[in-house]
Amino acid sequence: MSHAHASTRLRLLGAVTLCLFPSVASAHTGLRRSEPARGARLNTGPTRIVLWFTAKPQLAFSRVRLAGPGGDVPLGALVADSGNSVRASIQAGTLAPGDYTVRWQTASADGHPIRGEFVFTVLAVGNATEPAPATPPAVGDSGAHMMPEVPAAESSEYRSVRWIEFVALLTILGVLGFRHGVLPPLAARGVPTADAGDRARRLGMSALVLYAVAAVVRLYTESQAVHGADAALDPTLLRQMLLGTTWGLGWLFGAMGALLLFAGWMVSRRSVAIGTPLALTGALGVGLAPALSGHAAASEHFVLSVVLDVLHVTAAGLWLGGLLIVLIAGIPAMRRLTNGNQDAAVSALVNSFHPLALFCAPLVILAGLGTAWIRLGAFSALRTEYGQNLIWKLVFVAVVGSIGLYNSTRARRNLGTMDATRRIRRTAAIEVAFAAIVLAITAALVTSPVPTNMLTP
């Protein structure tokens, strides 16, 4: 088996791993049990409400309301308890006989808001004694699992924002890989790279603007989903969400990283020695943001999960984002060269990008396998809406992989002529277009309702 064939198969396997393994078990928090239990009929009024979840809830995202025959019942401050739970006290003797509805909402570290409600009944008023501290119940106790209830409008908005964020992030990482991994070896061979580098920088600046817009909209969408439209822009609530949750920390990392990248790329026009460290520091921020504001942050294996997620996203960005930059910045710059064979320069550019893709493919594979080991769920989930989105994603990943296989084994080897340059530009554009569809399906996948069996810890 030739080295080129082996590397291509690694890239294709990496794409499938990227698609399949991290996504199958991307479960959000679910309600595990409650006290009082759903449907409970009590002789005495409870003195507290306790909610246990399948993952640790973020207190700043959590709300609990109690409504009875006389309207809303005042509750004490909501506090975190042991066993992935939150609790709020009820003043003893305040619950008259009747039906009571508990309405709750929360989110784990990934920031995905869920909400639900259940009813219990007080048959007679009595003086309840504060129970001993509750312990986490066994799975299957009363108060059975509840699916997340997120309004469709919120899911649609969030899905669009995530797609925009994915496109911008991969473009930004692709620019960094192109400027610091592809162009230096090319310049060492005597090929002029100044125009290509400047084109990539300008494209990266545009992607940063898109990323910033997506970040602002995502912040508003998250706040709207958690706090409601009327309070979405409340400064106090926004501050609590940004400073008091892992999701907020991830958002801040992304925002600060984007600012450092912008400053670095601006300064690099005058001083590469100053601009490059700023830009690479900013890249750490935007690379960490998806992990800290996504499923990795909610994992029991926090450190390992975050590290694998960062490697996974970074490798995919350098690989697929780098292909985009080669197509729309690198090849046009090579075609504008006035000294030497332009098509030979295109060939040198593509072959300079190839080792970067070859290096990133094993990282994608290893990070995907590691993430799968942490999160892998049941394959029966493929019958759900979540699973159907995954299947569609696999279909389009197969299309992207097939085009990539052709580009690596055939189109790249034939470069050096005008016809070959036109051919690889055309096939690379098709590959990038299908990759954008894959990202759109990914955005739908991460906002799909989570299968019930995946909410069980």
Protein backbone atom coordinates (compact mmCIF):
# COMPACT_ATOMS: atom_id res chain seq x y z
CA MET A 1 0.00 0.00 0.00
CA SER A 2 1.44 3.37 -0.99
CA HIS A 3 2.02 6.16 1.50
CA ALA A 4 -0.45 8.39 -0.34
CA HIS A 5 -3.19 5.74 -0.25
CA ALA A 6 -2.59 5.11 3.46
CA SER A 7 -2.75 8.82 4.31
CA THR A 8 -5.93 9.27 2.31
CA ARG A 9 -7.61 6.39 4.08
CA LEU A 10 -6.56 7.83 7.42
CA ARG A 11 -8.17 11.14 6.44
CA LEU A 12 -11.40 9.43 5.41
CA LEU A 13 -11.47 7.34 8.59
CA GLY A 14 -10.82 10.52 10.58
CA ALA A 15 -13.83 12.21 8.97
CA VAL A 16 -16.09 9.30 9.87
CA THR A 17 -14.72 9.20 13.41
CA LEU A 18 -15.20 12.96 13.71
CA CYS A 19 -18.81 12.55 12.69
CA LEU A 20 -19.83 9.38 14.48
CA PHE A 21 -18.15 8.93 17.82
CA PRO A 22 -18.36 12.32 19.56
CA SER A 23 -21.97 12.78 18.50
CA VAL A 24 -23.67 9.54 19.48
CA ALA A 25 -23.65 10.25 23.20
CA SER A 26 -23.97 14.02 23.35
CA ALA A 27 -26.57 13.87 26.09
CA HIS A 28 -27.87 16.95 27.87
CA THR A 29 -28.99 17.10 31.50
CA GLY A 30 -32.28 15.40 32.36
CA LEU A 31 -34.41 15.30 35.49
CA ARG A 32 -33.70 12.09 37.36
CA ARG A 33 -35.96 12.31 40.41
CA SER A 34 -37.76 14.85 42.53
CA GLU A 35 -38.86 15.35 46.11
CA PRO A 36 -41.85 15.46 46.34
CA ALA A 37 -42.13 12.84 43.63
CA ARG A 38 -44.19 13.45 40.55
CA GLY A 39 -47.81 12.50 41.26
CA ALA A 40 -47.17 12.13 45.01
CA ARG A 41 -50.18 12.40 47.36
CA LEU A 42 -48.96 13.74 50.69
CA ASN A 43 -50.70 13.92 54.07
CA THR A 44 -48.50 16.83 55.14
CA GLY A 45 -47.08 19.70 53.17
CA PRO A 46 -43.38 19.30 52.23
CA THR A 47 -40.85 21.76 53.54
CA ARG A 48 -38.60 21.72 50.53
CA ILE A 49 -38.32 20.86 46.85
CA VAL A 50 -35.30 18.85 45.74
CA LEU A 51 -34.49 18.05 42.11
CA TRP A 52 -31.88 15.50 41.11
CA PHE A 53 -30.43 15.61 37.57
CA THR A 54 -28.35 13.28 35.43
CA ALA A 55 -25.48 15.81 35.39
CA LYS A 56 -24.40 18.62 37.64
CA PRO A 57 -26.73 21.59 37.05
CA GLN A 58 -25.38 25.11 36.74
CA LEU A 59 -26.99 27.16 39.50
CA ALA A 60 -27.03 30.38 37.46
CA PHE A 61 -29.14 28.60 34.83
CA SER A 62 -31.56 27.05 37.35
CA ARG A 63 -35.04 28.23 38.31
CA VAL A 64 -37.80 26.58 40.38
CA ARG A 65 -41.38 27.85 40.84
CA LEU A 66 -44.20 26.38 42.89
CA ALA A 67 -47.84 27.20 42.10
CA GLY A 68 -50.88 26.00 44.05
CA PRO A 69 -54.59 26.71 44.46
CA GLY A 70 -53.82 30.20 45.75
CA GLY A 71 -51.20 31.10 43.15
CA ASP A 72 -47.41 31.17 43.43
CA VAL A 73 -45.90 29.90 46.67
CA PRO A 74 -42.81 31.75 47.98
CA LEU A 75 -39.68 29.60 48.01
CA GLY A 76 -36.35 30.05 49.70
CA ALA A 77 -33.18 30.71 47.76
CA LEU A 78 -32.24 27.95 45.33
CA VAL A 79 -29.01 26.28 46.43
CA ALA A 80 -26.85 23.48 45.10
CA ASP A 81 -27.04 20.19 46.97
CA SER A 82 -25.12 16.93 46.81
CA GLY A 83 -25.71 14.33 44.11
CA ASN A 84 -26.23 16.69 41.13
CA SER A 85 -29.21 18.32 42.80
CA VAL A 86 -30.67 21.70 43.72
CA ARG A 87 -33.13 22.50 46.48
CA ALA A 88 -35.38 25.29 47.68
CA SER A 89 -37.11 25.48 51.07
CA ILE A 90 -40.85 25.92 51.70
CA GLN A 91 -42.06 27.51 54.92
CA ALA A 92 -43.68 24.80 57.05
CA GLY A 93 -47.47 24.85 57.20
CA THR A 94 -47.97 27.16 54.21
CA LEU A 95 -49.35 24.59 51.76
CA ALA A 96 -53.12 24.22 51.91
CA PRO A 97 -54.77 21.05 50.58
CA GLY A 98 -54.82 20.91 46.78
CA ASP A 99 -52.73 20.28 43.69
CA TYR A 100 -49.33 21.96 43.34
CA THR A 101 -47.26 22.35 40.18
CA VAL A 102 -43.47 22.54 40.27
CA ARG A 103 -42.01 24.26 37.21
CA TRP A 104 -38.24 23.95 36.81
CA GLN A 105 -35.50 24.76 34.39
CA THR A 106 -31.76 24.26 34.41
CA ALA A 107 -28.76 23.50 32.24
CA SER A 108 -25.54 21.61 32.71
CA ALA A 109 -22.13 22.97 31.80
CA ASP A 110 -22.89 22.71 28.06
CA GLY A 111 -25.46 25.51 28.45
CA HIS A 112 -28.32 23.64 26.76
CA PRO A 113 -31.47 24.78 28.64
CA ILE A 114 -34.12 22.27 29.61
CA ARG A 115 -37.35 22.75 31.49
CA GLY A 116 -40.25 20.70 32.73
CA GLU A 117 -42.98 20.47 35.32
CA PHE A 118 -44.74 17.94 37.54
CA VAL A 119 -47.65 17.91 39.96
CA PHE A 120 -48.06 16.65 43.52
CA THR A 121 -51.07 16.80 45.85
CA VAL A 122 -51.36 17.79 49.51
CA LEU A 123 -54.27 15.94 51.13
CA ALA A 124 -54.11 17.57 54.55
CA VAL A 125 -52.09 20.31 56.22
CA GLY A 126 -49.67 19.32 58.92
CA ASN A 127 -46.46 20.48 60.49
CA ALA A 128 -43.75 18.72 58.56
CA THR A 129 -40.36 18.13 60.04
CA GLU A 130 -37.35 19.03 57.93
CA PRO A 131 -36.12 15.70 56.53
CA ALA A 132 -32.57 14.51 56.77
CA PRO A 133 -30.25 15.50 53.92
CA ALA A 134 -31.32 13.61 50.83
CA THR A 135 -29.08 11.13 49.09
CA PRO A 136 -29.02 10.50 45.36
CA PRO A 137 -31.68 7.94 44.53
CA ALA A 138 -31.27 4.94 42.31
CA VAL A 139 -32.21 5.25 38.67
CA GLY A 140 -35.80 4.20 38.09
CA ASP A 141 -37.26 5.71 41.30
CA SER A 142 -40.39 7.82 41.21
CA GLY A 143 -40.20 11.01 39.27
CA ALA A 144 -39.12 9.22 36.11
CA HIS A 145 -36.94 10.74 33.41
CA MET A 146 -38.25 13.81 31.65
CA MET A 147 -37.22 14.86 28.18
CA PRO A 148 -35.89 18.40 27.66
CA GLU A 149 -38.61 20.85 26.73
CA VAL A 150 -37.05 23.62 24.67
CA PRO A 151 -39.28 25.79 22.44
CA ALA A 152 -38.71 25.18 18.72
CA ALA A 153 -37.89 28.84 18.10
CA GLU A 154 -35.00 28.65 20.54
CA SER A 155 -33.65 25.46 18.95
CA SER A 156 -33.90 26.94 15.44
CA GLU A 157 -32.08 30.12 16.43
CA TYR A 158 -29.43 28.23 18.34
CA ARG A 159 -28.95 25.82 15.44
CA SER A 160 -28.33 28.69 13.00
CA VAL A 161 -25.92 30.38 15.37
CA ARG A 162 -23.95 27.20 15.91
CA TRP A 163 -23.61 26.66 12.15
CA ILE A 164 -22.29 30.20 11.67
CA GLU A 165 -19.92 29.71 14.59
CA PHE A 166 -18.62 26.40 13.18
CA VAL A 167 -17.98 27.93 9.75
CA ALA A 168 -16.18 30.95 11.23
CA LEU A 169 -14.13 28.88 13.68
CA LEU A 170 -12.90 26.42 11.07
CA THR A 171 -12.02 29.32 8.77
CA ILE A 172 -10.04 31.07 11.51
CA LEU A 173 -8.11 27.92 12.39
CA GLY A 174 -7.56 27.28 8.71
CA VAL A 175 -6.02 30.73 8.30
CA LEU A 176 -3.65 30.09 11.20
CA GLY A 177 -2.58 26.75 9.79
CA PHE A 178 -2.14 28.22 6.33
CA ARG A 179 -0.05 31.21 7.45
CA HIS A 180 2.13 29.32 9.92
CA GLY A 181 2.15 25.76 8.59
CA VAL A 182 1.72 25.92 4.80
CA LEU A 183 3.41 29.14 3.67
CA PRO A 184 6.79 28.90 5.50
CA PRO A 185 7.86 25.65 3.73
CA LEU A 186 6.64 27.16 0.47
CA ALA A 187 8.69 30.31 1.00
CA ALA A 188 11.74 28.19 1.82
CA ARG A 189 11.45 26.73 -1.69
CA GLY A 190 11.62 30.23 -3.18
CA VAL A 191 7.91 30.64 -3.96
CA PRO A 192 6.63 34.18 -3.19
CA THR A 193 4.06 33.96 -0.38
CA ALA A 194 3.40 37.58 0.67
CA ASP A 195 0.21 37.93 -1.37
CA ALA A 196 -1.14 34.56 -0.22
CA GLY A 197 -0.43 35.42 3.41
CA ASP A 198 -2.13 38.80 3.12
CA ARG A 199 -5.17 37.29 1.42
CA ALA A 200 -5.46 34.71 4.19
CA ARG A 201 -5.13 37.41 6.87
CA ARG A 202 -7.93 39.48 5.33
CA LEU A 203 -10.12 36.43 5.07
CA GLY A 204 -9.37 35.62 8.70
CA MET A 205 -10.39 39.14 9.73
CA SER A 206 -13.71 38.68 7.94
CA ALA A 207 -14.21 35.32 9.68
CA LEU A 208 -13.50 36.99 13.01
CA VAL A 209 -16.28 39.50 12.35
CA LEU A 210 -18.62 36.61 11.56
CA TYR A 211 -17.46 34.79 14.69
CA ALA A 212 -18.09 37.91 16.81
CA VAL A 213 -21.59 38.33 15.41
CA ALA A 214 -22.32 34.66 16.09
CA ALA A 215 -20.96 35.01 19.64
CA VAL A 216 -23.20 38.00 20.42
CA VAL A 217 -26.27 36.32 18.95
CA ARG A 218 -25.45 33.09 20.76
CA LEU A 219 -25.15 34.97 24.05
CA TYR A 220 -28.53 36.61 23.49
CA THR A 221 -30.11 33.32 22.41
CA GLU A 222 -28.74 31.53 25.47
CA SER A 223 -29.97 34.29 27.78
CA GLN A 224 -33.36 34.33 26.08
CA ALA A 225 -33.70 30.56 26.47
CA VAL A 226 -32.75 30.70 30.15
CA HIS A 227 -34.22 34.02 31.33
CA GLY A 228 -36.97 34.70 28.79
CA ALA A 229 -37.20 37.37 26.09
CA ASP A 230 -38.10 40.17 28.53
CA ALA A 231 -35.02 39.62 30.71
CA ALA A 232 -32.57 38.43 28.05
CA LEU A 233 -30.58 41.69 28.13
CA ASP A 234 -30.71 42.22 31.88
CA PRO A 235 -27.10 43.19 32.84
CA THR A 236 -27.24 41.43 36.20
CA LEU A 237 -28.49 38.17 34.74
CA LEU A 238 -25.98 38.33 31.88
CA ARG A 239 -23.14 38.90 34.35
CA GLN A 240 -24.27 35.96 36.48
CA MET A 241 -24.46 33.74 33.42
CA LEU A 242 -21.03 34.74 32.09
CA LEU A 243 -19.18 34.67 35.40
CA GLY A 244 -21.11 31.97 37.23
CA THR A 245 -21.28 29.14 34.70
CA THR A 246 -18.82 27.01 32.76
CA TRP A 247 -20.74 27.91 29.60
CA GLY A 248 -20.11 31.60 30.33
CA LEU A 249 -16.42 30.96 30.91
CA GLY A 250 -16.22 29.23 27.54
CA TRP A 251 -17.99 32.13 25.87
CA LEU A 252 -15.56 34.61 27.45
CA PHE A 253 -12.58 32.54 26.29
CA GLY A 254 -13.91 32.68 22.75
CA ALA A 255 -14.61 36.42 22.91
CA MET A 256 -11.19 37.28 24.37
CA GLY A 257 -9.49 34.95 21.92
CA ALA A 258 -11.20 36.65 18.99
CA LEU A 259 -10.06 40.06 20.26
CA LEU A 260 -6.46 38.87 20.59
CA LEU A 261 -6.59 37.34 17.11
CA PHE A 262 -7.91 40.57 15.66
CA ALA A 263 -5.19 42.59 17.40
CA GLY A 264 -2.50 40.12 16.37
CA TRP A 265 -3.46 40.15 12.71
CA MET A 266 -3.65 43.94 12.71
CA VAL A 267 -0.23 44.29 14.34
CA SER A 268 1.32 41.64 12.09
CA ARG A 269 1.09 44.06 9.16
CA ARG A 270 3.83 46.08 10.85
CA SER A 271 5.50 43.62 13.23
CA VAL A 272 5.27 39.87 12.75
CA ALA A 273 7.30 39.31 15.92
CA ILE A 274 4.55 40.91 18.02
CA GLY A 275 1.49 40.04 15.97
CA THR A 276 2.15 36.30 15.67
CA PRO A 277 2.30 35.56 19.45
CA LEU A 278 -0.87 37.62 19.96
CA ALA A 279 -2.69 35.74 17.23
CA LEU A 280 -1.58 32.31 18.46
CA THR A 281 -2.60 33.20 22.03
CA GLY A 282 -6.00 34.22 20.71
CA ALA A 283 -6.22 30.90 18.88
CA LEU A 284 -5.98 29.12 22.24
CA GLY A 285 -9.05 31.02 23.39
CA VAL A 286 -11.23 30.27 20.38
CA GLY A 287 -10.00 26.67 20.41
CA LEU A 288 -10.99 26.20 24.06
CA ALA A 289 -14.38 27.91 23.70
CA PRO A 290 -16.34 25.01 22.12
CA ALA A 291 -15.08 22.56 24.75
CA LEU A 292 -15.88 24.79 27.72
CA SER A 293 -19.32 25.72 26.41
CA GLY A 294 -20.24 22.28 25.07
CA HIS A 295 -20.62 18.64 26.03
CA ALA A 296 -16.98 18.24 27.08
CA ALA A 297 -17.48 20.60 30.02
CA ALA A 298 -20.36 18.47 31.35
CA SER A 299 -18.33 15.26 31.32
CA GLU A 300 -17.34 13.50 34.54
CA HIS A 301 -13.84 13.24 33.02
CA PHE A 302 -13.59 17.01 32.62
CA VAL A 303 -9.87 17.48 31.95
CA LEU A 304 -9.51 14.55 29.56
CA SER A 305 -12.73 15.41 27.75
CA VAL A 306 -11.75 19.06 27.27
CA VAL A 307 -8.25 18.15 26.05
CA LEU A 308 -9.66 15.67 23.52
CA ASP A 309 -12.26 18.16 22.35
CA VAL A 310 -9.66 20.90 21.81
CA LEU A 311 -7.46 18.51 19.83
CA HIS A 312 -10.48 17.32 17.87
CA VAL A 313 -11.66 20.82 16.91
CA THR A 314 -8.19 22.18 16.24
CA ALA A 315 -7.18 19.29 14.01
CA ALA A 316 -10.44 19.50 12.05
CA GLY A 317 -10.00 23.25 11.62
CA LEU A 318 -6.43 23.01 10.39
CA TRP A 319 -7.47 20.26 8.00
CA LEU A 320 -10.85 21.35 6.58
CA GLY A 321 -10.45 25.06 7.25
CA GLY A 322 -7.01 24.89 5.70
CA LEU A 323 -8.49 23.41 2.53
CA LEU A 324 -10.86 26.36 2.31
CA ILE A 325 -7.98 28.84 2.61
CA VAL A 326 -5.91 27.02 0.02
CA LEU A 327 -8.86 27.25 -2.35
CA ILE A 328 -9.90 30.88 -1.94
CA ALA A 329 -6.65 32.55 -0.87
CA GLY A 330 -3.67 30.40 -1.79
CA ILE A 331 -4.45 29.26 -5.33
CA PRO A 332 -5.59 32.74 -6.52
CA ALA A 333 -2.36 34.22 -5.12
CA MET A 334 -0.25 31.62 -6.92
CA ARG A 335 -2.12 32.29 -10.16
CA ARG A 336 -1.18 35.98 -9.93
CA LEU A 337 2.56 35.36 -9.73
CA THR A 338 4.44 36.97 -12.59
CA ASN A 339 7.79 35.21 -12.27
CA GLY A 340 7.88 31.50 -12.99
CA ASN A 341 5.31 28.83 -13.76
CA GLN A 342 2.04 29.73 -12.02
CA ASP A 343 0.65 26.21 -12.22
CA ALA A 344 3.88 24.81 -10.78
CA ALA A 345 3.44 27.24 -7.86
CA VAL A 346 -0.12 25.92 -7.34
CA SER A 347 1.27 22.40 -7.27
CA ALA A 348 3.89 23.41 -4.70
CA LEU A 349 1.17 25.07 -2.56
CA VAL A 350 -1.12 22.03 -2.55
CA ASN A 351 1.78 19.71 -1.76
CA SER A 352 2.85 22.00 1.06
CA PHE A 353 -0.65 21.74 2.56
CA HIS A 354 -0.73 17.94 2.25
CA PRO A 355 1.65 17.18 5.21
CA LEU A 356 -0.45 19.40 7.50
CA ALA A 357 -3.58 17.43 6.59
CA LEU A 358 -1.66 14.19 7.03
CA PHE A 359 -0.50 15.27 10.51
CA CYS A 360 -3.98 16.37 11.59
CA ALA A 361 -5.78 13.21 10.43
CA PRO A 362 -4.35 10.96 13.21
CA LEU A 363 -5.19 13.64 15.79
CA VAL A 364 -8.78 13.71 14.61
CA ILE A 365 -8.94 9.91 14.79
CA LEU A 366 -7.36 9.61 18.25
CA ALA A 367 -9.37 12.47 19.72
CA GLY A 368 -12.55 11.05 18.24
CA LEU A 369 -11.87 7.59 19.65
CA GLY A 370 -11.05 9.07 23.06
CA THR A 371 -14.22 11.13 23.07
CA ALA A 372 -16.20 8.06 22.03
CA TRP A 373 -14.73 6.11 24.94
CA ILE A 374 -16.00 8.80 27.31
CA ARG A 375 -19.44 9.48 25.81
CA LEU A 376 -20.46 6.52 23.62
CA GLY A 377 -24.16 5.65 23.86
CA ALA A 378 -26.49 2.93 22.53
CA PHE A 379 -26.88 2.47 18.78
CA SER A 380 -30.65 2.09 19.31
CA ALA A 381 -30.65 5.89 19.47
CA LEU A 382 -30.23 5.92 15.68
CA ARG A 383 -34.02 5.47 15.41
CA THR A 384 -34.68 8.85 17.06
CA GLU A 385 -34.63 12.31 15.50
CA TYR A 386 -31.14 12.65 16.90
CA GLY A 387 -30.09 9.40 15.26
CA GLN A 388 -31.65 10.32 11.93
CA ASN A 389 -29.64 13.55 11.86
CA LEU A 390 -26.54 11.51 12.57
CA ILE A 391 -27.26 9.18 9.66
CA TRP A 392 -27.68 12.12 7.26
CA LYS A 393 -24.42 13.54 8.51
CA LEU A 394 -22.66 10.25 7.82
CA VAL A 395 -24.05 10.22 4.28
CA PHE A 396 -22.64 13.66 3.51
CA VAL A 397 -19.35 12.91 5.26
CA ALA A 398 -19.01 9.94 2.92
CA VAL A 399 -19.51 12.31 -0.02
CA VAL A 400 -16.86 14.71 1.30
CA GLY A 401 -14.49 11.82 1.94
CA SER A 402 -14.96 10.49 -1.59
CA ILE A 403 -14.15 13.86 -3.13
CA GLY A 404 -11.15 14.22 -0.81
CA LEU A 405 -9.96 10.80 -1.84
CA TYR A 406 -10.02 11.85 -5.49
CA ASN A 407 -8.24 15.15 -4.76
CA SER A 408 -5.48 13.44 -2.80
CA THR A 409 -4.81 10.46 -5.04
CA ARG A 410 -5.55 11.85 -8.48
CA ALA A 411 -5.94 15.62 -8.74
CA ARG A 412 -2.95 16.47 -6.54
CA ARG A 413 -0.60 14.17 -8.45
CA ASN A 414 -1.55 15.65 -11.82
CA LEU A 415 -0.93 19.27 -10.84
CA GLY A 416 1.43 21.44 -12.86
CA THR A 417 -0.76 22.37 -15.82
CA MET A 418 -3.54 24.89 -16.32
CA ASP A 419 -6.15 22.17 -16.84
CA ALA A 420 -5.07 20.39 -13.65
CA THR A 421 -5.30 23.64 -11.69
CA ARG A 422 -8.83 24.27 -12.95
CA ARG A 423 -9.79 20.70 -12.12
CA ILE A 424 -8.58 20.78 -8.52
CA ARG A 425 -10.18 24.18 -7.95
CA ARG A 426 -13.48 22.78 -9.12
CA THR A 427 -13.32 19.56 -7.10
CA ALA A 428 -12.01 21.35 -4.00
CA ALA A 429 -14.91 23.82 -4.22
CA ILE A 430 -17.36 20.92 -4.35
CA GLU A 431 -15.64 19.30 -1.37
CA VAL A 432 -15.87 22.53 0.65
CA ALA A 433 -19.55 22.97 -0.29
CA PHE A 434 -20.41 19.49 0.98
CA ALA A 435 -18.34 20.13 4.10
CA ALA A 436 -20.55 23.18 4.77
CA ILE A 437 -23.61 20.92 4.54
CA VAL A 438 -21.98 18.57 7.04
CA LEU A 439 -21.56 21.52 9.42
CA ALA A 440 -25.21 22.45 8.99
CA ILE A 441 -26.27 18.90 9.85
CA THR A 442 -23.89 18.99 12.82
CA ALA A 443 -25.60 22.13 14.08
CA ALA A 444 -28.95 20.33 13.81
CA LEU A 445 -27.49 17.28 15.55
CA VAL A 446 -26.27 19.13 18.65
CA THR A 447 -29.69 20.79 19.09
CA SER A 448 -31.82 17.67 18.46
CA PRO A 449 -33.87 16.24 21.37
CA VAL A 450 -31.73 13.79 23.29
CA PRO A 451 -32.93 10.14 23.19
CA THR A 452 -34.44 9.03 26.51
CA ASN A 453 -32.01 6.16 27.02
CA MET A 454 -29.14 8.62 26.79
CA LEU A 455 -30.39 10.57 29.80
CA THR A 456 -29.76 7.63 32.08
CA PRO A 457 -26.41 7.92 33.86
